Structures are given as structure tokens and as C-alpha cells.
């Protein structure tokens, strides 16, 4: 079974289109027969992606630091509690075959950069994909491209990050390079 980690916002004062995008993404993951790994919170985009996956018959794994258990999604098929945000990121990456970032803020960018950096360090070879249908990440990606031009980021690293404008293209980018995890 393929597991896709979705990084996304838990902020509650965001436009509804982002919450809807998360729900559609969860449903599309379930429609492919994949498992969703997420931050395990019941609010905003995090809650919506999990509800979308479950509504489509998909399994959900929520990874929550103990400091956020008051926001935990009670309907996760599997709930993993961690001692820190750093451990949460590691578990989410380890439990997934592909990593997908939806629009979000600091936490989402932190997770995206952790997944991307650990890939470039050779700690995994999982696809790292950004779903950006409305230009949310435009300025961040412009900075990345500038850092490539300045030599701070290599072209190989930039090419490892896939940017998609729609859910199906983003999920297709997760599939070709997916490698099944070897149980430990």
C-alpha cells in the first residue's frame, strides 16, 4: 500500500478554497487506494484532508506531538503520538512513500524543507511535491530559483522539487518514483 504524506495548514482563518483543496486531495488519495499520512489534527486543512480520505474509503495515519493532543483527529485509523515537532516530521517522512505540500504557513514550509533537505542528503529518495493551484508558493519558489542562480541551491536540488497546479498532476508526480518501504 502506498502512503502519501500531506503537509498542510491547521490555521483556522484561511480561505475556504484551501480547506476544499485539502478535502479533494484526501478524496483523490483514497480513490487511488493509497493511505494518507498527515499531521493528525482535526482542524482546517489537516482535518479536511483526513475527512476527504476517509469519506473515500481511505486509511488515515495521524502523527501528532503530545503538546497538540487537544486538537487530535479522533477518527484517525492510526494515531502516532510524538514527543516533539521534530520527531513528528521524522515519523511522517518515514511512514510515507511520497511527500506532498499543500498551501500553508510556517509549519508547512518547515515540513516541506525538511522533506526536501533530507532527500537531497540521500536519507530518502521519495518524491517531494508542491500542490500550488493558485500561486500560494510563487514568492517562495522565486526565492528558491534566485538561490539557484546565486549558487546557494544546486540545480539537482531544485529539480528534485516538483510543482503541480492540480491534484491529479500532483498525485501522478508522487507515483512514478514511489518505492515501497521495507518494514523495520
Protein backbone atom coordinates (compact mmCIF):
# COMPACT_ATOMS: atom_id res chain seq x y z
CA UNK A 1 0.00 0.00 0.00
CA UNK A 2 1.36 3.40 -0.97
CA UNK A 3 1.32 6.04 1.76
CA UNK A 4 1.38 9.73 0.87
CA UNK A 5 2.19 12.33 3.49
CA UNK A 6 0.32 15.59 3.08
CA UNK A 7 1.75 18.68 4.75
CA UNK A 8 -0.86 21.43 5.11
CA UNK A 9 -2.21 24.12 7.35
CA UNK A 10 -4.03 23.80 10.64
CA UNK A 11 -4.73 27.56 10.69
CA UNK A 12 -8.43 28.20 11.04
CA UNK A 13 -8.73 31.68 9.50
CA UNK A 14 -7.75 30.76 5.95
CA UNK A 15 -9.84 30.98 2.77
CA UNK A 16 -12.31 28.13 2.32
CA UNK A 17 -10.82 27.25 -1.08
CA UNK A 18 -7.73 25.87 0.70
CA UNK A 19 -9.82 23.72 3.03
CA UNK A 20 -11.75 22.47 -0.02
CA UNK A 21 -8.47 21.70 -1.83
CA UNK A 22 -7.34 19.60 1.13
CA UNK A 23 -10.62 17.65 1.11
CA UNK A 24 -10.34 16.98 -2.62
CA UNK A 25 -6.73 15.87 -2.17
CA UNK A 26 -7.70 13.42 0.57
CA UNK A 27 -10.50 12.02 -1.58
CA UNK A 28 -8.16 11.63 -4.55
CA UNK A 29 -5.60 9.81 -2.40
CA UNK A 30 -8.31 7.41 -1.25
CA UNK A 31 -9.58 6.93 -4.81
CA UNK A 32 -6.13 5.64 -5.77
CA UNK A 33 -6.23 3.17 -2.88
CA UNK A 34 -3.43 4.97 -1.05
CA UNK A 35 -3.04 5.71 2.66
CA UNK A 36 -2.93 9.29 3.93
CA UNK A 37 -0.30 10.29 6.48
CA UNK A 38 -0.92 13.73 7.96
CA UNK A 39 -0.38 15.92 10.97
CA UNK A 40 -3.37 14.29 12.66
CA UNK A 41 -5.21 17.41 13.72
CA UNK A 42 -8.97 17.72 13.24
CA UNK A 43 -8.97 21.40 12.22
CA UNK A 44 -8.71 23.36 8.99
CA UNK A 45 -6.90 21.76 6.06
CA UNK A 46 -5.47 18.95 8.20
CA UNK A 47 -8.92 17.85 9.26
CA UNK A 48 -10.33 18.29 5.77
CA UNK A 49 -7.67 16.15 4.05
CA UNK A 50 -8.28 13.31 6.53
CA UNK A 51 -12.08 13.55 6.28
CA UNK A 52 -11.80 13.54 2.48
CA UNK A 53 -9.63 10.43 2.56
CA UNK A 54 -11.92 8.58 4.98
CA UNK A 55 -15.06 9.59 3.03
CA UNK A 56 -13.45 7.94 0.00
CA UNK A 57 -12.70 4.76 1.94
CA UNK A 58 -9.03 5.54 2.52
CA UNK A 59 -6.98 4.83 5.61
CA UNK A 60 -5.53 7.70 7.63
CA UNK A 61 -2.47 7.87 9.85
CA UNK A 62 -2.25 10.95 12.07
CA UNK A 63 1.05 11.98 13.62
CA UNK A 64 0.61 14.42 16.50
CA UNK A 65 3.05 15.81 19.06
CA UNK A 66 1.81 15.36 22.61
CA UNK A 67 1.64 19.15 23.05
CA UNK A 68 -1.19 19.26 20.46
CA UNK A 69 -3.33 16.33 21.60
CA UNK A 70 -6.24 18.68 22.31
CA UNK A 71 -6.51 19.16 18.51
CA UNK A 72 -6.19 15.46 17.59
CA UNK A 73 -8.48 14.00 14.95
CA UNK A 74 -10.38 11.32 16.91
CA UNK A 75 -11.26 9.40 13.74
CA UNK A 76 -7.69 8.59 12.57
CA UNK A 77 -7.33 4.93 11.70
CA UNK A 78 -3.94 5.07 13.38
CA UNK A 79 -2.70 7.78 15.71
CA UNK A 80 1.01 8.17 16.41
CA UNK A 81 2.00 10.44 19.30
CA UNK A 82 5.43 12.04 19.29
CA UNK A 83 7.41 13.98 21.88
CA UNK A 84 8.30 16.91 19.60
CA UNK A 85 7.59 18.62 16.31
CA UNK A 86 10.95 17.38 15.01
CA UNK A 87 10.03 13.79 15.82
CA UNK A 88 6.64 14.36 14.16
CA UNK A 89 8.34 15.37 10.89
CA UNK A 90 10.66 12.37 11.02
CA UNK A 91 7.81 9.94 11.63
CA UNK A 92 5.69 11.48 8.87
CA UNK A 93 8.55 11.21 6.37
CA UNK A 94 9.47 7.68 7.49
CA UNK A 95 5.87 6.43 7.29
CA UNK A 96 5.38 7.75 3.73
CA UNK A 97 6.37 6.82 0.20
CA UNK A 98 5.85 10.36 -1.15
CA UNK A 99 5.61 13.83 0.38
CA UNK A 100 3.08 16.41 -0.79
CA UNK A 101 2.83 20.01 0.43
CA UNK A 102 -0.39 21.96 0.07
CA UNK A 103 -0.67 25.69 0.80
CA UNK A 104 0.30 26.51 4.36
CA UNK A 105 2.35 28.70 6.62
CA UNK A 106 5.49 28.30 8.71
CA UNK A 107 4.81 24.73 9.82
CA UNK A 108 4.04 23.55 6.29
CA UNK A 109 7.18 25.24 4.93
CA UNK A 110 9.23 23.72 7.75
CA UNK A 111 7.91 20.26 6.86
CA UNK A 112 8.44 20.82 3.14
CA UNK A 113 12.03 21.95 3.61
CA UNK A 114 12.76 19.05 5.99
CA UNK A 115 11.44 16.55 3.44
CA UNK A 116 13.31 18.23 0.58
CA UNK A 117 16.59 18.61 2.50
CA UNK A 118 16.60 15.03 3.77
CA UNK A 119 16.01 13.85 0.21
CA UNK A 120 18.97 15.87 -1.03
CA UNK A 121 21.12 14.46 1.77
CA UNK A 122 20.30 10.97 0.50
CA UNK A 123 18.30 9.98 3.57
CA UNK A 124 15.41 9.00 1.30
CA UNK A 125 14.56 9.06 -2.40
CA UNK A 126 10.88 9.88 -2.04
CA UNK A 127 9.18 12.36 -4.34
CA UNK A 128 8.70 15.82 -2.84
CA UNK A 129 5.79 17.62 -4.49
CA UNK A 130 4.16 21.01 -4.00
CA UNK A 131 0.50 21.42 -4.97
CA UNK A 132 0.03 25.10 -5.76
CA UNK A 133 -3.14 25.74 -7.77
CA UNK A 134 -3.38 29.48 -7.06
CA UNK A 135 0.20 30.73 -6.68
CA UNK A 136 0.44 30.49 -2.89
CA UNK A 137 4.10 29.42 -3.15
CA UNK A 138 5.06 31.76 -6.03
CA UNK A 139 7.29 34.08 -3.99
CA UNK A 140 8.92 31.20 -2.13
CA UNK A 141 9.68 29.41 -5.40
CA UNK A 142 11.01 32.68 -6.85
CA UNK A 143 13.40 32.87 -3.88
CA UNK A 144 14.43 29.23 -4.45
CA UNK A 145 15.16 29.97 -8.12
CA UNK A 146 17.16 33.05 -7.10
CA UNK A 147 19.15 30.91 -4.67
CA UNK A 148 19.85 28.50 -7.55
CA UNK A 149 21.03 31.42 -9.69
CA UNK A 150 23.28 32.58 -6.82
CA UNK A 151 24.73 29.11 -6.30
CA UNK A 152 23.21 28.52 -2.85
CA UNK A 153 20.97 25.73 -4.14
CA UNK A 154 22.12 23.30 -6.81
CA UNK A 155 20.08 22.65 -9.93
CA UNK A 156 19.85 18.97 -8.97
CA UNK A 157 18.20 20.02 -5.71
CA UNK A 158 15.80 22.39 -7.46
CA UNK A 159 14.88 19.72 -9.99
CA UNK A 160 14.02 17.31 -7.16
CA UNK A 161 11.11 19.55 -6.12
CA UNK A 162 8.05 19.02 -8.33
CA UNK A 163 5.43 21.77 -8.51
CA UNK A 164 1.93 20.91 -9.72
CA UNK A 165 -1.14 23.06 -10.29
CA UNK A 166 -3.86 20.41 -9.82
CA UNK A 167 -4.50 17.43 -7.56
CA UNK A 168 -4.21 14.71 -10.19
CA UNK A 169 -0.91 16.03 -11.54
CA UNK A 170 0.46 16.30 -8.00
CA UNK A 171 -0.54 12.73 -7.18
CA UNK A 172 0.83 11.48 -10.50
CA UNK A 173 4.16 13.09 -9.53
CA UNK A 174 4.08 11.03 -6.33
CA UNK A 175 3.65 7.74 -8.15
CA UNK A 176 6.45 7.15 -10.66
CA UNK A 177 9.25 7.27 -8.14
CA UNK A 178 7.41 5.71 -5.21
CA UNK A 179 9.37 2.93 -3.58
CA UNK A 180 7.70 0.63 -1.15
CA UNK A 181 9.03 0.95 2.37
CA UNK A 182 10.86 -2.02 3.78
CA UNK A 183 9.37 -2.89 7.19
CA UNK A 184 11.84 -2.40 10.01
